[in-house]
């Protein structure tokens, strides 16, 4: 066949049609389907990198490591946690989004980077809708409202009355603008119709230190930190921010018992970059479910104040989108914004 004939539009269309037909036949074949199944069974055949987008030692790091350790036991391959903190979780999320979609780089799917950041930040280096493959949810972690002992309020109704009688007099600390610690306070202000002064800090540790020193009046901190201060009598625990009471502290009421519908939690799941192969997603999702149903993981989570919260990939993506939509007006009303 002459070169001119090969370059003709008719020849190219026929050739592309033949290639497409062959590809369609191969993709539909049971042979390829069984090959994909074998590939899923073979994954992982080397160590898997798990990117945690927050500092080592914090709640997300501890809870991630508990699951990764169990995944290592289940598969015989190491799931290695790598901390990439910065910009409220956005640095780590960007690293996940830009990784090769081969199943060997996965990471944290968090309320901060995937539900709060889209409204809080004017510009993100990733698209939370398009740049990730949701794999499954892992935990739900409420915050716990604690107040300084000398405040004069030992229940939520007493605190609300105190704040209403003294508008703008009392302050609440947070680990930073736009965090769930901050938004828990903003939602409380809005639903209770009270005026409180927000005092942001660089992390929960200095915020809690100032609470214990009497420099601020209250904080809605992640439950592990605030619960430990409550248990030793250095702070007074009033309510958890989850819709129901926490198994870690069932004696403490849920805020929703006083303000119906109040519900805000820190949650974490597993995701990979966009395009993660479906067989790998299915296998990893099943492994995460098995891990969360194991008694040792349940016990370790309870010790951290967290509740296992497995969801399917589709339900995980839907949960993230719904939480982002629900939190958007709270973030906007708070005035928090990062360009």
C-alpha atoms as a PDB file:
ATOM      1  CA  UNK A   1       0.000   0.000   0.000  1.00  0.00           C
ATOM      2  CA  UNK A   2       1.357   3.411  -0.919  1.00  0.00           C
ATOM      3  CA  UNK A   3       2.247   5.997   1.672  1.00  0.00           C
ATOM      4  CA  UNK A   4      -0.340   8.405   0.261  1.00  0.00           C
ATOM      5  CA  UNK A   5      -3.115   5.828   0.761  1.00  0.00           C
ATOM      6  CA  UNK A   6      -2.052   5.280   4.418  1.00  0.00           C
ATOM      7  CA  UNK A   7      -2.266   9.037   5.021  1.00  0.00           C
ATOM      8  CA  UNK A   8      -5.772   9.385   3.593  1.00  0.00           C
ATOM      9  CA  UNK A   9      -8.641  10.283   5.989  1.00  0.00           C
ATOM     10  CA  UNK A  10     -10.633   7.203   4.897  1.00  0.00           C
ATOM     11  CA  UNK A  11      -7.775   4.841   5.765  1.00  0.00           C
ATOM     12  CA  UNK A  12      -7.262   6.476   9.162  1.00  0.00           C
ATOM     13  CA  UNK A  13     -10.992   6.223  10.002  1.00  0.00           C
ATOM     14  CA  UNK A  14     -11.093   2.529   9.035  1.00  0.00           C
ATOM     15  CA  UNK A  15      -7.927   1.813  11.008  1.00  0.00           C
ATOM     16  CA  UNK A  16      -9.224   3.596  14.121  1.00  0.00           C
ATOM     17  CA  UNK A  17     -12.533   1.769  13.837  1.00  0.00           C
ATOM     18  CA  UNK A  18     -10.772  -1.606  13.646  1.00  0.00           C
ATOM     19  CA  UNK A  19      -8.598  -0.768  16.671  1.00  0.00           C
ATOM     20  CA  UNK A  20     -11.677   0.376  18.612  1.00  0.00           C
ATOM     21  CA  UNK A  21     -13.534  -2.828  17.783  1.00  0.00           C
ATOM     22  CA  UNK A  22     -10.605  -4.954  18.884  1.00  0.00           C
ATOM     23  CA  UNK A  23     -10.231  -2.967  22.110  1.00  0.00           C
ATOM     24  CA  UNK A  24     -13.941  -3.290  22.850  1.00  0.00           C
ATOM     25  CA  UNK A  25     -13.804  -7.031  22.329  1.00  0.00           C
ATOM     26  CA  UNK A  26     -10.772  -7.424  24.568  1.00  0.00           C
ATOM     27  CA  UNK A  27     -12.172  -5.232  27.330  1.00  0.00           C
ATOM     28  CA  UNK A  28     -15.392  -7.197  27.318  1.00  0.00           C
ATOM     29  CA  UNK A  29     -13.649 -10.545  27.438  1.00  0.00           C
ATOM     30  CA  UNK A  30     -13.787 -12.779  30.523  1.00  0.00           C
ATOM     31  CA  UNK A  31     -10.017 -13.226  30.144  1.00  0.00           C
ATOM     32  CA  UNK A  32      -9.306  -9.554  30.874  1.00  0.00           C
ATOM     33  CA  UNK A  33     -11.873  -9.489  33.675  1.00  0.00           C
ATOM     34  CA  UNK A  34     -10.127 -12.394  35.365  1.00  0.00           C
ATOM     35  CA  UNK A  35      -6.800 -10.641  34.811  1.00  0.00           C
ATOM     36  CA  UNK A  36      -8.077  -7.516  36.578  1.00  0.00           C
ATOM     37  CA  UNK A  37      -9.322  -9.668  39.442  1.00  0.00           C
ATOM     38  CA  UNK A  38      -5.896 -11.288  39.738  1.00  0.00           C
ATOM     39  CA  UNK A  39      -4.292  -7.821  39.743  1.00  0.00           C
ATOM     40  CA  UNK A  40      -6.546  -6.782  42.624  1.00  0.00           C
ATOM     41  CA  UNK A  41      -5.690  -9.970  44.501  1.00  0.00           C
ATOM     42  CA  UNK A  42      -1.986  -9.283  43.949  1.00  0.00           C
ATOM     43  CA  UNK A  43      -2.232  -5.709  45.295  1.00  0.00           C
ATOM     44  CA  UNK A  44      -0.309  -4.764  47.296  1.00  0.00           C
ATOM     45  CA  UNK A  45       2.891  -6.574  46.365  1.00  0.00           C
ATOM     46  CA  UNK A  46       5.165  -3.870  47.783  1.00  0.00           C
ATOM     47  CA  UNK A  47       4.968  -1.232  50.565  1.00  0.00           C
ATOM     48  CA  UNK A  48       2.179   1.349  50.340  1.00  0.00           C
ATOM     49  CA  UNK A  49       2.761   5.009  51.226  1.00  0.00           C
ATOM     50  CA  UNK A  50      -0.016   6.636  53.287  1.00  0.00           C
ATOM     51  CA  UNK A  51       0.155  10.453  53.379  1.00  0.00           C
ATOM     52  CA  UNK A  52      -1.190  12.040  56.560  1.00  0.00           C
ATOM     53  CA  UNK A  53      -1.672  15.746  55.969  1.00  0.00           C
ATOM     54  CA  UNK A  54      -1.207  16.749  59.618  1.00  0.00           C
ATOM     55  CA  UNK A  55       1.726  16.649  62.068  1.00  0.00           C
ATOM     56  CA  UNK A  56       2.943  13.494  63.759  1.00  0.00           C
ATOM     57  CA  UNK A  57       1.440  12.796  67.165  1.00  0.00           C
ATOM     58  CA  UNK A  58      -1.888  14.530  66.561  1.00  0.00           C
ATOM     59  CA  UNK A  59      -5.285  12.789  66.511  1.00  0.00           C
ATOM     60  CA  UNK A  60      -5.332  12.177  62.738  1.00  0.00           C
ATOM     61  CA  UNK A  61      -1.818  10.749  62.887  1.00  0.00           C
ATOM     62  CA  UNK A  62      -2.591   8.373  65.760  1.00  0.00           C
ATOM     63  CA  UNK A  63      -5.878   7.187  64.225  1.00  0.00           C
ATOM     64  CA  UNK A  64      -4.300   6.751  60.785  1.00  0.00           C
ATOM     65  CA  UNK A  65      -1.440   4.700  62.190  1.00  0.00           C
ATOM     66  CA  UNK A  66      -3.847   2.381  64.017  1.00  0.00           C
ATOM     67  CA  UNK A  67      -5.557   1.469  60.744  1.00  0.00           C
ATOM     68  CA  UNK A  68      -2.329   1.348  58.717  1.00  0.00           C
ATOM     69  CA  UNK A  69      -0.825  -1.070  61.225  1.00  0.00           C
ATOM     70  CA  UNK A  70      -3.849  -3.340  60.849  1.00  0.00           C
ATOM     71  CA  UNK A  71      -3.685  -3.091  57.038  1.00  0.00           C
ATOM     72  CA  UNK A  72      -0.032  -4.156  57.222  1.00  0.00           C
ATOM     73  CA  UNK A  73      -1.038  -7.195  59.265  1.00  0.00           C
ATOM     74  CA  UNK A  74      -3.861  -8.096  56.883  1.00  0.00           C
ATOM     75  CA  UNK A  75      -1.799  -7.826  53.687  1.00  0.00           C
ATOM     76  CA  UNK A  76       1.744  -8.696  54.749  1.00  0.00           C
ATOM     77  CA  UNK A  77       2.943  -5.423  53.205  1.00  0.00           C
ATOM     78  CA  UNK A  78       3.917  -2.295  55.092  1.00  0.00           C
ATOM     79  CA  UNK A  79       1.555   0.703  54.993  1.00  0.00           C
ATOM     80  CA  UNK A  80       4.027   3.466  55.799  1.00  0.00           C
ATOM     81  CA  UNK A  81       2.636   6.719  57.220  1.00  0.00           C
ATOM     82  CA  UNK A  82       4.325   9.851  55.890  1.00  0.00           C
ATOM     83  CA  UNK A  83       3.418  13.196  57.488  1.00  0.00           C
ATOM     84  CA  UNK A  84       3.076  16.094  55.053  1.00  0.00           C
ATOM     85  CA  UNK A  85       1.627  18.894  57.165  1.00  0.00           C
ATOM     86  CA  UNK A  86       0.919  22.468  56.169  1.00  0.00           C
ATOM     87  CA  UNK A  87      -1.795  24.882  55.086  1.00  0.00           C
ATOM     88  CA  UNK A  88      -4.541  23.192  57.087  1.00  0.00           C
ATOM     89  CA  UNK A  89      -4.030  19.828  55.424  1.00  0.00           C
ATOM     90  CA  UNK A  90      -3.769  21.172  51.881  1.00  0.00           C
ATOM     91  CA  UNK A  91      -0.087  20.294  51.398  1.00  0.00           C
ATOM     92  CA  UNK A  92      -0.695  16.617  52.066  1.00  0.00           C
ATOM     93  CA  UNK A  93      -3.903  16.572  50.024  1.00  0.00           C
ATOM     94  CA  UNK A  94      -2.059  18.062  47.048  1.00  0.00           C
ATOM     95  CA  UNK A  95       0.616  15.363  47.317  1.00  0.00           C
ATOM     96  CA  UNK A  96      -2.066  12.658  47.198  1.00  0.00           C
ATOM     97  CA  UNK A  97      -3.780  14.294  44.221  1.00  0.00           C
ATOM     98  CA  UNK A  98      -0.519  14.441  42.245  1.00  0.00           C
ATOM     99  CA  UNK A  99       0.595  10.872  43.001  1.00  0.00           C
ATOM    100  CA  UNK A 100       0.553   8.085  40.431  1.00  0.00           C
ATOM    101  CA  UNK A 101      -2.850   6.304  40.486  1.00  0.00           C
ATOM    102  CA  UNK A 102      -1.361   2.859  41.028  1.00  0.00           C
ATOM    103  CA  UNK A 103      -2.552   2.148  44.574  1.00  0.00           C
ATOM    104  CA  UNK A 104       0.866   2.613  46.156  1.00  0.00           C
ATOM    105  CA  UNK A 105       0.267   6.190  47.313  1.00  0.00           C
ATOM    106  CA  UNK A 106      -2.907   6.763  49.303  1.00  0.00           C
ATOM    107  CA  UNK A 107      -3.721   9.063  52.173  1.00  0.00           C
ATOM    108  CA  UNK A 108      -6.041  10.945  54.466  1.00  0.00           C
ATOM    109  CA  UNK A 109      -9.438  12.116  53.241  1.00  0.00           C
ATOM    110  CA  UNK A 110     -10.241  14.688  55.910  1.00  0.00           C
ATOM    111  CA  UNK A 111     -12.915  17.176  56.901  1.00  0.00           C
ATOM    112  CA  UNK A 112     -10.265  19.921  56.906  1.00  0.00           C
ATOM    113  CA  UNK A 113      -8.853  19.437  53.407  1.00  0.00           C
ATOM    114  CA  UNK A 114     -11.933  18.085  51.650  1.00  0.00           C
ATOM    115  CA  UNK A 115     -14.962  19.708  53.319  1.00  0.00           C
ATOM    116  CA  UNK A 116     -13.762  22.935  54.987  1.00  0.00           C
ATOM    117  CA  UNK A 117     -10.949  24.020  52.638  1.00  0.00           C
ATOM    118  CA  UNK A 118     -13.156  24.484  49.529  1.00  0.00           C
ATOM    119  CA  UNK A 119     -14.980  27.353  51.284  1.00  0.00           C
ATOM    120  CA  UNK A 120     -12.193  28.586  53.560  1.00  0.00           C
ATOM    121  CA  UNK A 121      -9.544  29.005  50.856  1.00  0.00           C
ATOM    122  CA  UNK A 122      -9.904  31.288  47.863  1.00  0.00           C
ATOM    123  CA  UNK A 123      -7.533  29.106  45.841  1.00  0.00           C
ATOM    124  CA  UNK A 124      -6.686  25.425  46.289  1.00  0.00           C
ATOM    125  CA  UNK A 125      -3.927  23.453  44.518  1.00  0.00           C
ATOM    126  CA  UNK A 126      -6.415  20.613  43.969  1.00  0.00           C
ATOM    127  CA  UNK A 127     -10.079  20.006  43.188  1.00  0.00           C
ATOM    128  CA  UNK A 128     -11.733  18.011  46.013  1.00  0.00           C
ATOM    129  CA  UNK A 129     -14.372  16.735  43.578  1.00  0.00           C
ATOM    130  CA  UNK A 130     -12.183  15.732  40.634  1.00  0.00           C
ATOM    131  CA  UNK A 131      -8.654  15.018  41.884  1.00  0.00           C
ATOM    132  CA  UNK A 132      -9.324  12.156  44.317  1.00  0.00           C
ATOM    133  CA  UNK A 133     -10.746   8.658  44.472  1.00  0.00           C
ATOM    134  CA  UNK A 134     -12.691   8.118  47.687  1.00  0.00           C
ATOM    135  CA  UNK A 135     -11.988   4.663  49.144  1.00  0.00           C
ATOM    136  CA  UNK A 136     -13.741   4.555  52.512  1.00  0.00           C
ATOM    137  CA  UNK A 137     -14.390   6.361  55.762  1.00  0.00           C
ATOM    138  CA  UNK A 138     -12.444   5.454  58.905  1.00  0.00           C
ATOM    139  CA  UNK A 139     -13.500   7.510  61.915  1.00  0.00           C
ATOM    140  CA  UNK A 140     -15.642  10.204  63.414  1.00  0.00           C
ATOM    141  CA  UNK A 141     -14.092  12.273  66.207  1.00  0.00           C
ATOM    142  CA  UNK A 142     -16.194  14.822  68.122  1.00  0.00           C
ATOM    143  CA  UNK A 143     -14.940  17.894  69.878  1.00  0.00           C
ATOM    144  CA  UNK A 144     -15.618  18.445  73.568  1.00  0.00           C
ATOM    145  CA  UNK A 145     -16.620  21.816  74.987  1.00  0.00           C
ATOM    146  CA  UNK A 146     -14.698  22.512  78.183  1.00  0.00           C
ATOM    147  CA  UNK A 147     -14.705  25.714  80.229  1.00  0.00           C
ATOM    148  CA  UNK A 148     -12.352  27.022  82.890  1.00  0.00           C
ATOM    149  CA  UNK A 149     -13.426  25.931  86.398  1.00  0.00           C
ATOM    150  CA  UNK A 150     -14.019  29.463  87.678  1.00  0.00           C
ATOM    151  CA  UNK A 151     -16.349  30.512  84.880  1.00  0.00           C
ATOM    152  CA  UNK A 152     -19.519  29.835  86.851  1.00  0.00           C
ATOM    153  CA  UNK A 153     -21.185  27.487  84.361  1.00  0.00           C
ATOM    154  CA  UNK A 154     -21.330  23.724  84.768  1.00  0.00           C
ATOM    155  CA  UNK A 155     -24.000  22.979  82.162  1.00  0.00           C
ATOM    156  CA  UNK A 156     -24.741  24.199  78.637  1.00  0.00           C
ATOM    157  CA  UNK A 157     -27.938  26.039  79.698  1.00  0.00           C
ATOM    158  CA  UNK A 158     -25.973  27.839  82.422  1.00  0.00           C
ATOM    159  CA  UNK A 159     -23.305  28.820  79.890  1.00  0.00           C
ATOM    160  CA  UNK A 160     -25.886  30.114  77.419  1.00  0.00           C
ATOM    161  CA  UNK A 161     -27.575  32.207  80.115  1.00  0.00           C
ATOM    162  CA  UNK A 162     -24.221  33.582  81.264  1.00  0.00           C
ATOM    163  CA  UNK A 163     -23.322  34.587  77.697  1.00  0.00           C
ATOM    164  CA  UNK A 164     -26.733  36.138  77.017  1.00  0.00           C
ATOM    165  CA  UNK A 165     -26.536  38.190  80.194  1.00  0.00           C
ATOM    166  CA  UNK A 166     -23.022  39.409  79.264  1.00  0.00           C
ATOM    167  CA  UNK A 167     -22.805  39.818  75.462  1.00  0.00           C
ATOM    168  CA  UNK A 168     -19.235  39.819  74.137  1.00  0.00           C
ATOM    169  CA  UNK A 169     -17.676  39.327  77.575  1.00  0.00           C
ATOM    170  CA  UNK A 170     -16.628  35.682  77.198  1.00  0.00           C
ATOM    171  CA  UNK A 171     -14.129  34.151  74.804  1.00  0.00           C
ATOM    172  CA  UNK A 172     -13.566  30.806  73.142  1.00  0.00           C
ATOM    173  CA  UNK A 173     -10.173  29.623  71.970  1.00  0.00           C
ATOM    174  CA  UNK A 174      -9.477  27.562  68.865  1.00  0.00           C
ATOM    175  CA  UNK A 175      -6.574  25.808  67.184  1.00  0.00           C
ATOM    176  CA  UNK A 176      -6.916  28.203  64.234  1.00  0.00           C
ATOM    177  CA  UNK A 177      -9.522  29.898  62.048  1.00  0.00           C
ATOM    178  CA  UNK A 178     -11.533  27.484  59.959  1.00  0.00           C
ATOM    179  CA  UNK A 179     -10.755  24.370  62.019  1.00  0.00           C
ATOM    180  CA  UNK A 180     -13.540  22.203  63.423  1.00  0.00           C
ATOM    181  CA  UNK A 181     -12.500  23.543  66.839  1.00  0.00           C
ATOM    182  CA  UNK A 182     -13.293  27.060  65.589  1.00  0.00           C
ATOM    183  CA  UNK A 183     -16.431  26.135  63.639  1.00  0.00           C
ATOM    184  CA  UNK A 184     -17.847  24.248  66.630  1.00  0.00           C
ATOM    185  CA  UNK A 185     -17.802  27.541  68.528  1.00  0.00           C
ATOM    186  CA  UNK A 186     -19.282  29.489  65.625  1.00  0.00           C
ATOM    187  CA  UNK A 187     -22.131  26.999  65.258  1.00  0.00           C
ATOM    188  CA  UNK A 188     -22.738  27.206  69.012  1.00  0.00           C
ATOM    189  CA  UNK A 189     -22.883  31.014  68.847  1.00  0.00           C
ATOM    190  CA  UNK A 190     -25.303  30.937  65.948  1.00  0.00           C
ATOM    191  CA  UNK A 191     -27.678  28.304  67.303  1.00  0.00           C
ATOM    192  CA  UNK A 192     -27.650  29.616  70.905  1.00  0.00           C
ATOM    193  CA  UNK A 193     -27.920  33.229  69.690  1.00  0.00           C
ATOM    194  CA  UNK A 194     -25.066  34.450  71.850  1.00  0.00           C
ATOM    195  CA  UNK A 195     -22.030  36.681  71.339  1.00  0.00           C
ATOM    196  CA  UNK A 196     -18.611  35.176  72.110  1.00  0.00           C
ATOM    197  CA  UNK A 197     -15.131  36.429  71.201  1.00  0.00           C
ATOM    198  CA  UNK A 198     -13.098  34.022  69.060  1.00  0.00           C
ATOM    199  CA  UNK A 199      -9.387  33.815  69.950  1.00  0.00           C
ATOM    200  CA  UNK A 200      -7.433  31.739  67.383  1.00  0.00           C
ATOM    201  CA  UNK A 201      -4.127  30.061  68.227  1.00  0.00           C
ATOM    202  CA  UNK A 202      -1.513  28.129  66.276  1.00  0.00           C
ATOM    203  CA  UNK A 203      -2.681  24.696  67.338  1.00  0.00           C
ATOM    204  CA  UNK A 204      -4.647  23.231  70.228  1.00  0.00           C
ATOM    205  CA  UNK A 205      -1.738  23.001  72.688  1.00  0.00           C
ATOM    206  CA  UNK A 206      -1.219  26.758  73.225  1.00  0.00           C
ATOM    207  CA  UNK A 207      -4.992  27.323  73.188  1.00  0.00           C
ATOM    208  CA  UNK A 208      -5.483  24.766  75.954  1.00  0.00           C
ATOM    209  CA  UNK A 209      -2.581  26.232  77.934  1.00  0.00           C
ATOM    210  CA  UNK A 210      -4.259  29.640  77.955  1.00  0.00           C
ATOM    211  CA  UNK A 211      -7.574  28.087  78.967  1.00  0.00           C
ATOM    212  CA  UNK A 212      -5.907  26.379  81.931  1.00  0.00           C
ATOM    213  CA  UNK A 213      -4.226  29.689  82.814  1.00  0.00           C
ATOM    214  CA  UNK A 214      -7.583  31.502  82.745  1.00  0.00           C
ATOM    215  CA  UNK A 215      -6.704  33.681  79.748  1.00  0.00           C
ATOM    216  CA  UNK A 216      -9.690  32.388  77.732  1.00  0.00           C
ATOM    217  CA  UNK A 217     -12.986  30.983  78.922  1.00  0.00           C
ATOM    218  CA  UNK A 218     -13.713  27.891  76.827  1.00  0.00           C
ATOM    219  CA  UNK A 219     -12.615  25.696  73.940  1.00  0.00           C
ATOM    220  CA  UNK A 220     -14.256  23.065  71.719  1.00  0.00           C
ATOM    221  CA  UNK A 221     -11.137  20.926  71.449  1.00  0.00           C
ATOM    222  CA  UNK A 222     -10.730  17.445  69.934  1.00  0.00           C
ATOM    223  CA  UNK A 223     -11.982  15.049  72.578  1.00  0.00           C
ATOM    224  CA  UNK A 224      -8.645  13.353  73.487  1.00  0.00           C
ATOM    225  CA  UNK A 225      -7.021  16.589  74.686  1.00  0.00           C
ATOM    226  CA  UNK A 226     -10.021  18.183  76.379  1.00  0.00           C
ATOM    227  CA  UNK A 227     -11.207  14.945  77.987  1.00  0.00           C
ATOM    228  CA  UNK A 228      -7.857  14.395  79.680  1.00  0.00           C
ATOM    229  CA  UNK A 229      -7.990  17.907  81.204  1.00  0.00           C
ATOM    230  CA  UNK A 230     -11.564  17.334  82.339  1.00  0.00           C
ATOM    231  CA  UNK A 231     -10.731  13.995  83.950  1.00  0.00           C
ATOM    232  CA  UNK A 232      -7.991  15.559  86.129  1.00  0.00           C
ATOM    233  CA  UNK A 233     -10.261  18.439  87.162  1.00  0.00           C
ATOM    234  CA  UNK A 234      -8.443  21.212  85.321  1.00  0.00           C
ATOM    235  CA  UNK A 235     -11.431  21.967  83.077  1.00  0.00           C
ATOM    236  CA  UNK A 236     -15.192  21.420  83.208  1.00  0.00           C
ATOM    237  CA  UNK A 237     -16.680  19.351  80.375  1.00  0.00           C
ATOM    238  CA  UNK A 238     -20.111  20.493  79.200  1.00  0.00           C
ATOM    239  CA  UNK A 239     -20.959  18.760  75.907  1.00  0.00           C
ATOM    240  CA  UNK A 240     -19.638  16.834  72.934  1.00  0.00           C
ATOM    241  CA  UNK A 241     -20.261  18.181  69.438  1.00  0.00           C
ATOM    242  CA  UNK A 242     -21.505  14.928  67.882  1.00  0.00           C
ATOM    243  CA  UNK A 243     -25.216  14.350  67.357  1.00  0.00           C
ATOM    244  CA  UNK A 244     -25.152  11.624  70.012  1.00  0.00           C
ATOM    245  CA  UNK A 245     -23.060  11.061  73.145  1.00  0.00           C
ATOM    246  CA  UNK A 246     -19.554   9.723  72.660  1.00  0.00           C
ATOM    247  CA  UNK A 247     -18.792   6.135  73.766  1.00  0.00           C
ATOM    248  CA  UNK A 248     -15.520   7.525  75.128  1.00  0.00           C
ATOM    249  CA  UNK A 249     -17.384   9.722  77.627  1.00  0.00           C
ATOM    250  CA  UNK A 250     -21.040   8.652  77.805  1.00  0.00           C
ATOM    251  CA  UNK A 251     -21.593  10.709  80.931  1.00  0.00           C
ATOM    252  CA  UNK A 252     -21.169  13.941  78.942  1.00  0.00           C
ATOM    253  CA  UNK A 253     -24.273  15.128  77.063  1.00  0.00           C
ATOM    254  CA  UNK A 254     -24.329  15.908  73.367  1.00  0.00           C
ATOM    255  CA  UNK A 255     -24.824  19.558  72.458  1.00  0.00           C
ATOM    256  CA  UNK A 256     -27.822  18.458  70.398  1.00  0.00           C
ATOM    257  CA  UNK A 257     -29.611  17.624  73.653  1.00  0.00           C
ATOM    258  CA  UNK A 258     -29.777  21.388  74.280  1.00  0.00           C
ATOM    259  CA  UNK A 259     -29.590  22.727  70.715  1.00  0.00           C
ATOM    260  CA  UNK A 260     -31.446  20.215  68.478  1.00  0.00           C
ATOM    261  CA  UNK A 261     -29.633  19.574  65.214  1.00  0.00           C
ATOM    262  CA  UNK A 262     -26.237  20.725  66.460  1.00  0.00           C
ATOM    263  CA  UNK A 263     -23.662  18.377  64.902  1.00  0.00           C
ATOM    264  CA  UNK A 264     -20.044  18.941  63.891  1.00  0.00           C
ATOM    265  CA  UNK A 265     -17.240  16.390  63.909  1.00  0.00           C
ATOM    266  CA  UNK A 266     -13.727  15.816  62.729  1.00  0.00           C
ATOM    267  CA  UNK A 267     -13.756  12.827  60.381  1.00  0.00           C
ATOM    268  CA  UNK A 268     -11.174  10.967  58.377  1.00  0.00           C
ATOM    269  CA  UNK A 269     -11.193   8.485  55.549  1.00  0.00           C
ATOM    270  CA  UNK A 270      -8.839   7.004  52.965  1.00  0.00           C
ATOM    271  CA  UNK A 271      -8.483   8.263  49.415  1.00  0.00           C
ATOM    272  CA  UNK A 272      -6.145   7.980  46.463  1.00  0.00           C
ATOM    273  CA  UNK A 273      -5.522  10.149  43.423  1.00  0.00           C
ATOM    274  CA  UNK A 274      -8.128  10.324  40.676  1.00  0.00           C
ATOM    275  CA  UNK A 275      -8.105   7.290  38.405  1.00  0.00           C
ATOM    276  CA  UNK A 276      -7.289   4.707  41.056  1.00  0.00           C
ATOM    277  CA  UNK A 277      -8.140   1.333  39.449  1.00  0.00           C
ATOM    278  CA  UNK A 278     -11.518  -0.021  40.516  1.00  0.00           C
ATOM    279  CA  UNK A 279     -10.144  -3.463  41.562  1.00  0.00           C
ATOM    280  CA  UNK A 280      -7.646  -1.755  43.893  1.00  0.00           C
ATOM    281  CA  UNK A 281     -10.363   0.536  45.294  1.00  0.00           C
ATOM    282  CA  UNK A 282     -12.614  -2.440  45.989  1.00  0.00           C
ATOM    283  CA  UNK A 283      -9.857  -4.457  47.666  1.00  0.00           C
ATOM    284  CA  UNK A 284      -8.597  -1.565  49.783  1.00  0.00           C
ATOM    285  CA  UNK A 285     -12.142  -0.633  50.786  1.00  0.00           C
ATOM    286  CA  UNK A 286     -12.797  -4.210  51.925  1.00  0.00           C
ATOM    287  CA  UNK A 287      -9.529  -4.256  53.870  1.00  0.00           C
ATOM    288  CA  UNK A 288     -10.404  -0.997  55.636  1.00  0.00           C
ATOM    289  CA  UNK A 289     -13.797  -2.413  56.580  1.00  0.00           C
ATOM    290  CA  UNK A 290     -12.153  -5.536  57.986  1.00  0.00           C
ATOM    291  CA  UNK A 291      -9.676  -3.411  59.943  1.00  0.00           C
ATOM    292  CA  UNK A 292     -12.401  -1.235  61.471  1.00  0.00           C
ATOM    293  CA  UNK A 293     -14.434  -4.278  62.481  1.00  0.00           C
ATOM    294  CA  UNK A 294     -11.499  -5.853  64.356  1.00  0.00           C
ATOM    295  CA  UNK A 295     -11.739  -5.713  68.143  1.00  0.00           C
ATOM    296  CA  UNK A 296      -8.231  -4.299  68.649  1.00  0.00           C
ATOM    297  CA  UNK A 297      -8.857  -1.353  66.299  1.00  0.00           C
ATOM    298  CA  UNK A 298     -12.219  -0.666  67.949  1.00  0.00           C
ATOM    299  CA  UNK A 299     -10.545  -0.642  71.370  1.00  0.00           C
ATOM    300  CA  UNK A 300      -7.715   1.619  70.191  1.00  0.00           C
ATOM    301  CA  UNK A 301     -10.176   4.050  68.606  1.00  0.00           C
ATOM    302  CA  UNK A 302     -12.294   4.163  71.751  1.00  0.00           C
ATOM    303  CA  UNK A 303      -9.189   5.029  73.766  1.00  0.00           C
ATOM    304  CA  UNK A 304      -8.685   8.023  71.438  1.00  0.00           C
ATOM    305  CA  UNK A 305     -12.327   9.093  71.687  1.00  0.00           C
ATOM    306  CA  UNK A 306     -13.034   8.143  68.078  1.00  0.00           C
ATOM    307  CA  UNK A 307     -15.805   5.998  66.620  1.00  0.00           C
ATOM    308  CA  UNK A 308     -15.103   3.677  63.655  1.00  0.00           C
ATOM    309  CA  UNK A 309     -17.173   4.917  60.705  1.00  0.00           C
ATOM    310  CA  UNK A 310     -16.678   2.689  57.668  1.00  0.00           C
ATOM    311  CA  UNK A 311     -18.510   3.671  54.490  1.00  0.00           C
ATOM    312  CA  UNK A 312     -18.355   2.424  50.916  1.00  0.00           C
ATOM    313  CA  UNK A 313     -16.411   4.498  48.358  1.00  0.00           C
ATOM    314  CA  UNK A 314     -19.611   5.988  46.916  1.00  0.00           C
ATOM    315  CA  UNK A 315     -21.051   6.801  50.348  1.00  0.00           C
ATOM    316  CA  UNK A 316     -17.731   8.311  51.450  1.00  0.00           C
ATOM    317  CA  UNK A 317     -17.679  10.690  48.478  1.00  0.00           C
ATOM    318  CA  UNK A 318     -21.328  11.617  49.068  1.00  0.00           C
ATOM    319  CA  UNK A 319     -20.705  12.224  52.785  1.00  0.00           C
ATOM    320  CA  UNK A 320     -17.817  14.571  52.003  1.00  0.00           C
ATOM    321  CA  UNK A 321     -19.862  16.563  49.502  1.00  0.00           C
ATOM    322  CA  UNK A 322     -22.807  16.864  51.899  1.00  0.00           C
ATOM    323  CA  UNK A 323     -20.583  17.976  54.802  1.00  0.00           C
ATOM    324  CA  UNK A 324     -18.844  20.565  52.622  1.00  0.00           C
ATOM    325  CA  UNK A 325     -22.248  21.982  51.662  1.00  0.00           C
ATOM    326  CA  UNK A 326     -23.490  21.944  55.273  1.00  0.00           C
ATOM    327  CA  UNK A 327     -20.381  23.669  56.674  1.00  0.00           C
ATOM    328  CA  UNK A 328     -20.095  26.333  53.965  1.00  0.00           C
ATOM    329  CA  UNK A 329     -22.600  28.787  55.505  1.00  0.00           C
ATOM    330  CA  UNK A 330     -21.032  28.336  58.968  1.00  0.00           C
ATOM    331  CA  UNK A 331     -17.589  29.174  57.542  1.00  0.00           C
ATOM    332  CA  UNK A 332     -18.916  32.187  55.636  1.00  0.00           C
ATOM    333  CA  UNK A 333     -20.803  33.506  58.658  1.00  0.00           C
ATOM    334  CA  UNK A 334     -17.644  33.208  60.787  1.00  0.00           C
ATOM    335  CA  UNK A 335     -15.747  35.541  58.465  1.00  0.00           C
ATOM    336  CA  UNK A 336     -12.862  33.088  58.202  1.00  0.00           C
ATOM    337  CA  UNK A 337     -11.173  33.260  54.807  1.00  0.00           C
ATOM    338  CA  UNK A 338      -7.699  32.420  53.476  1.00  0.00           C
ATOM    339  CA  UNK A 339      -6.685  33.713  50.042  1.00  0.00           C
END
